[in-house]
Amino acid sequence: MAWLDLVSYLFGGAFLLNAVPHLVSGVSGRPFQTPFADPPGQGLSSSTVNALWGFLNLVVGYLLVCQVGAFDLRNLVDAAALGLGALAMALFSAWGFGRFNGGNAPKSP
């Protein structure tokens, strides 16, 4: 297995995880941050923009996971690369966007 395949699976996991909040916001009709908002990543984009951005993330994630190498979910190394990418994106999103959506714990005085 080429190590570049694992890098592809790592980024694929990140893209697949990133698709979730955007698709959920899009189909539920709620605004959410996207790179296209003003200011980018901080302002809110429409539910339509979120649905499109989420779908694009889904397509890119699919291409990185299913069209590179021979990804096998039963292979621990492949699954770990995908999972680590998803976990990294989840933590990045929680820390980065929690301040806008009330998800970060308040600091004690």
Protein backbone atom coordinates (compact mmCIF):
# COMPACT_ATOMS: atom_id res chain seq x y z
CA MET A 1 0.00 0.00 0.00
CA ALA A 2 1.36 3.39 -0.96
CA TRP A 3 1.55 5.96 1.81
CA LEU A 4 -0.03 8.51 -0.53
CA ASP A 5 -3.17 6.36 -0.53
CA LEU A 6 -3.34 6.78 3.25
CA VAL A 7 -2.92 10.55 2.93
CA SER A 8 -5.78 10.53 0.44
CA TYR A 9 -7.96 8.55 2.89
CA LEU A 10 -7.06 10.98 5.69
CA PHE A 11 -8.19 13.97 3.64
CA GLY A 12 -11.18 12.00 2.38
CA GLY A 13 -12.30 11.46 5.96
CA ALA A 14 -11.98 15.18 6.62
CA PHE A 15 -14.06 16.08 3.56
CA LEU A 16 -16.71 13.47 4.35
CA LEU A 17 -17.04 14.73 7.93
CA ASN A 18 -17.18 18.35 6.73
CA ALA A 19 -20.09 17.47 4.45
CA VAL A 20 -22.30 16.55 7.42
CA PRO A 21 -22.97 19.96 9.07
CA HIS A 22 -23.36 21.68 5.71
CA LEU A 23 -25.82 19.12 4.34
CA VAL A 24 -27.78 19.08 7.60
CA SER A 25 -27.96 22.89 7.63
CA GLY A 26 -28.90 22.93 3.97
CA VAL A 27 -31.72 20.39 4.12
CA SER A 28 -33.09 21.85 7.37
CA GLY A 29 -33.17 25.35 5.89
CA ARG A 30 -30.71 26.89 8.36
CA PRO A 31 -27.82 29.25 7.63
CA PHE A 32 -24.31 28.13 8.61
CA GLN A 33 -20.72 29.28 8.08
CA THR A 34 -19.02 28.52 4.76
CA PRO A 35 -15.91 29.83 3.00
CA PHE A 36 -18.25 31.90 0.81
CA ALA A 37 -19.76 33.94 3.66
CA ASP A 38 -18.77 37.49 4.52
CA PRO A 39 -16.34 37.33 6.28
CA PRO A 40 -15.27 33.89 5.03
CA GLY A 41 -15.75 31.15 7.60
CA GLN A 42 -17.37 33.52 10.09
CA GLY A 43 -20.48 34.93 8.48
CA LEU A 44 -23.51 32.83 7.64
CA SER A 45 -24.32 31.44 4.21
CA SER A 46 -27.78 30.49 3.01
CA SER A 47 -29.13 26.98 3.32
CA THR A 48 -28.82 26.60 -0.47
CA VAL A 49 -25.12 27.47 -0.40
CA ASN A 50 -24.67 25.02 2.47
CA ALA A 51 -26.44 22.24 0.60
CA LEU A 52 -24.22 22.80 -2.45
CA TRP A 53 -21.04 23.08 -0.35
CA GLY A 54 -21.95 19.95 1.59
CA PHE A 55 -22.59 18.00 -1.60
CA LEU A 56 -19.27 19.15 -3.07
CA ASN A 57 -17.50 17.98 0.10
CA LEU A 58 -19.27 14.63 -0.24
CA VAL A 59 -18.12 14.25 -3.86
CA VAL A 60 -14.50 15.20 -3.05
CA GLY A 61 -14.50 12.81 -0.08
CA TYR A 62 -15.85 10.02 -2.27
CA LEU A 63 -13.19 10.64 -4.90
CA LEU A 64 -10.37 10.68 -2.33
CA VAL A 65 -11.54 7.48 -0.63
CA CYS A 66 -13.12 5.36 -3.33
CA GLN A 67 -11.15 6.34 -6.43
CA VAL A 68 -7.62 6.28 -4.97
CA GLY A 69 -5.92 2.98 -4.26
CA ALA A 70 -8.05 0.09 -3.02
CA PHE A 71 -9.73 1.39 0.14
CA ASP A 72 -11.01 -1.42 2.37
CA LEU A 73 -13.02 -0.47 5.45
CA ARG A 74 -12.11 -3.85 6.98
CA ASN A 75 -8.41 -2.97 6.75
CA LEU A 76 -7.45 -1.35 10.06
CA VAL A 77 -4.85 0.96 8.53
CA ASP A 78 -7.24 2.25 5.85
CA ALA A 79 -10.06 2.73 8.36
CA ALA A 80 -7.71 4.44 10.84
CA ALA A 81 -6.53 6.93 8.21
CA LEU A 82 -10.14 7.77 7.30
CA GLY A 83 -11.14 7.99 10.96
CA LEU A 84 -8.21 10.21 11.92
CA GLY A 85 -9.06 12.61 9.11
CA ALA A 86 -12.68 12.73 10.27
CA LEU A 87 -11.62 13.21 13.91
CA ALA A 88 -9.19 15.99 13.00
CA MET A 89 -11.91 17.83 11.05
CA ALA A 90 -14.41 17.31 13.87
CA LEU A 91 -12.05 18.82 16.46
CA PHE A 92 -11.01 21.65 14.14
CA SER A 93 -14.67 22.47 13.48
CA ALA A 94 -15.64 22.24 17.15
CA TRP A 95 -12.85 24.58 18.24
CA GLY A 96 -13.13 26.94 15.29
CA PHE A 97 -16.89 27.30 14.99
CA GLY A 98 -17.90 26.75 18.61
CA ARG A 99 -17.31 30.43 19.31
CA PHE A 100 -19.96 31.38 16.76
CA ASN A 101 -22.55 28.81 17.77
CA GLY A 102 -22.18 28.70 21.54
CA GLY A 103 -20.32 25.39 21.59
CA ASN A 104 -17.15 26.48 23.39
CA ALA A 105 -17.28 26.28 27.16
CA PRO A 106 -17.18 29.71 28.82
CA LYS A 107 -13.99 30.55 30.67
CA SER A 108 -14.08 30.98 34.43
CA PRO A 109 -13.50 34.53 35.73
